[in-house]
Amino acid sequence: MNTGTRGVSAPDAGVASAMVNTMQQIGVSLGTALLSTLAAGATSGYLADTQPSAAVVSQPAAHGYTVAFWWAAAIFAAGAIVCGLLLPSGAPEPDASPALAA
């Protein structure tokens, strides 16, 4: 939240905060849909390649979840690299505006 609203003027802080919250909600819903689709595809692919039996009934689901978890790990790693490259490091400069000093 701090990074998303950093450098925004006081009158626009509410709009910036609302945009950060909206993008978080959209990101969660899209991420869940993407990972669920990957898990379902990997599960159906596993079932198409093997003959399911009573002894291995949970293996297709475990395979689907494993594929989705590996994709999630790759997405998190890519996000960490992007954030490391784009976000400034260090503490922000203090704001010397008269409204905050009073």
Protein backbone atom coordinates (compact mmCIF):
# COMPACT_ATOMS: atom_id res chain seq x y z
CA MET A 1 0.00 0.00 0.00
CA ASN A 2 2.83 2.39 0.85
CA THR A 3 4.58 1.79 -2.45
CA GLY A 4 1.38 2.21 -4.45
CA THR A 5 0.52 5.54 -2.85
CA ARG A 6 4.08 6.91 -2.57
CA GLY A 7 4.47 10.35 -4.10
CA VAL A 8 0.73 10.92 -4.54
CA SER A 9 -0.57 14.34 -3.53
CA ALA A 10 -2.88 14.50 -0.52
CA PRO A 11 -6.07 15.24 -2.52
CA ASP A 12 -5.46 12.16 -4.70
CA ALA A 13 -4.44 9.77 -1.91
CA GLY A 14 -7.93 8.27 -1.58
CA VAL A 15 -8.18 7.51 -5.29
CA ALA A 16 -4.68 6.00 -5.32
CA SER A 17 -5.52 3.82 -2.32
CA ALA A 18 -8.75 2.66 -3.98
CA MET A 19 -6.85 1.77 -7.15
CA VAL A 20 -4.32 -0.29 -5.18
CA ASN A 21 -7.14 -2.19 -3.46
CA THR A 22 -8.97 -2.75 -6.76
CA MET A 23 -5.85 -4.06 -8.49
CA GLN A 24 -5.16 -6.41 -5.57
CA GLN A 25 -8.66 -7.88 -5.84
CA ILE A 26 -8.42 -8.25 -9.63
CA GLY A 27 -4.97 -9.84 -9.33
CA VAL A 28 -6.20 -12.38 -6.80
CA SER A 29 -9.19 -13.37 -8.90
CA LEU A 30 -7.18 -13.66 -12.12
CA GLY A 31 -4.37 -15.54 -10.37
CA THR A 32 -6.78 -18.01 -8.82
CA ALA A 33 -8.50 -18.58 -12.17
CA LEU A 34 -5.17 -19.08 -13.95
CA LEU A 35 -3.76 -21.53 -11.41
CA SER A 36 -7.04 -23.46 -11.25
CA THR A 37 -7.02 -23.76 -15.03
CA LEU A 38 -3.42 -25.00 -14.99
CA ALA A 39 -4.22 -27.56 -12.28
CA ALA A 40 -7.31 -28.80 -14.12
CA GLY A 41 -5.41 -29.08 -17.39
CA ALA A 42 -2.55 -31.00 -15.79
CA THR A 43 -5.01 -33.30 -14.03
CA SER A 44 -6.93 -34.07 -17.22
CA GLY A 45 -3.67 -34.55 -19.12
CA TYR A 46 -2.47 -37.00 -16.48
CA LEU A 47 -5.75 -38.91 -16.66
CA ALA A 48 -5.56 -39.06 -20.47
CA ASP A 49 -2.06 -40.57 -20.34
CA THR A 50 -2.70 -43.23 -17.67
CA GLN A 51 -5.26 -45.85 -16.81
CA PRO A 52 -6.80 -44.85 -13.48
CA SER A 53 -7.31 -47.57 -10.92
CA ALA A 54 -8.59 -47.66 -7.35
CA ALA A 55 -5.01 -47.73 -6.03
CA VAL A 56 -3.98 -44.47 -7.75
CA VAL A 57 -7.17 -42.45 -7.51
CA SER A 58 -5.49 -39.41 -5.87
CA GLN A 59 -2.43 -39.24 -8.13
CA PRO A 60 -4.04 -37.17 -10.91
CA ALA A 61 -5.18 -34.49 -8.45
CA ALA A 62 -1.79 -34.43 -6.75
CA HIS A 63 -0.11 -34.04 -10.14
CA GLY A 64 -2.41 -31.14 -11.05
CA TYR A 65 -1.74 -29.34 -7.77
CA THR A 66 2.00 -29.89 -8.10
CA VAL A 67 2.02 -28.32 -11.56
CA ALA A 68 -0.01 -25.35 -10.28
CA PHE A 69 2.31 -24.88 -7.29
CA TRP A 70 5.39 -24.89 -9.55
CA TRP A 71 3.77 -22.29 -11.81
CA ALA A 72 2.90 -20.19 -8.75
CA ALA A 73 6.52 -20.39 -7.57
CA ALA A 74 7.73 -19.27 -11.00
CA ILE A 75 5.27 -16.36 -11.02
CA PHE A 76 6.39 -15.28 -7.54
CA ALA A 77 10.05 -15.48 -8.58
CA ALA A 78 9.40 -13.40 -11.70
CA GLY A 79 7.46 -10.87 -9.61
CA ALA A 80 10.33 -10.62 -7.12
CA ILE A 81 12.79 -9.94 -9.94
CA VAL A 82 10.53 -7.30 -11.51
CA CYS A 83 9.97 -5.60 -8.14
CA GLY A 84 13.69 -5.66 -7.40
CA LEU A 85 14.43 -3.98 -10.71
CA LEU A 86 11.63 -1.41 -10.77
CA LEU A 87 11.02 -0.31 -7.18
CA PRO A 88 13.36 2.24 -5.64
CA SER A 89 15.36 1.16 -2.63
CA GLY A 90 15.78 3.06 0.61
CA ALA A 91 13.50 5.27 2.63
CA PRO A 92 11.55 7.98 0.85
CA GLU A 93 12.46 11.61 1.37
CA PRO A 94 10.35 13.28 4.07
CA ASP A 95 7.59 15.50 2.78
CA ALA A 96 8.02 19.11 3.87
CA SER A 97 4.51 20.26 3.01
CA PRO A 98 2.96 22.68 5.53
CA ALA A 99 -0.18 20.54 5.91
CA LEU A 100 1.83 17.68 7.43
CA ALA A 101 4.02 19.90 9.61
CA ALA A 102 1.06 21.45 11.44
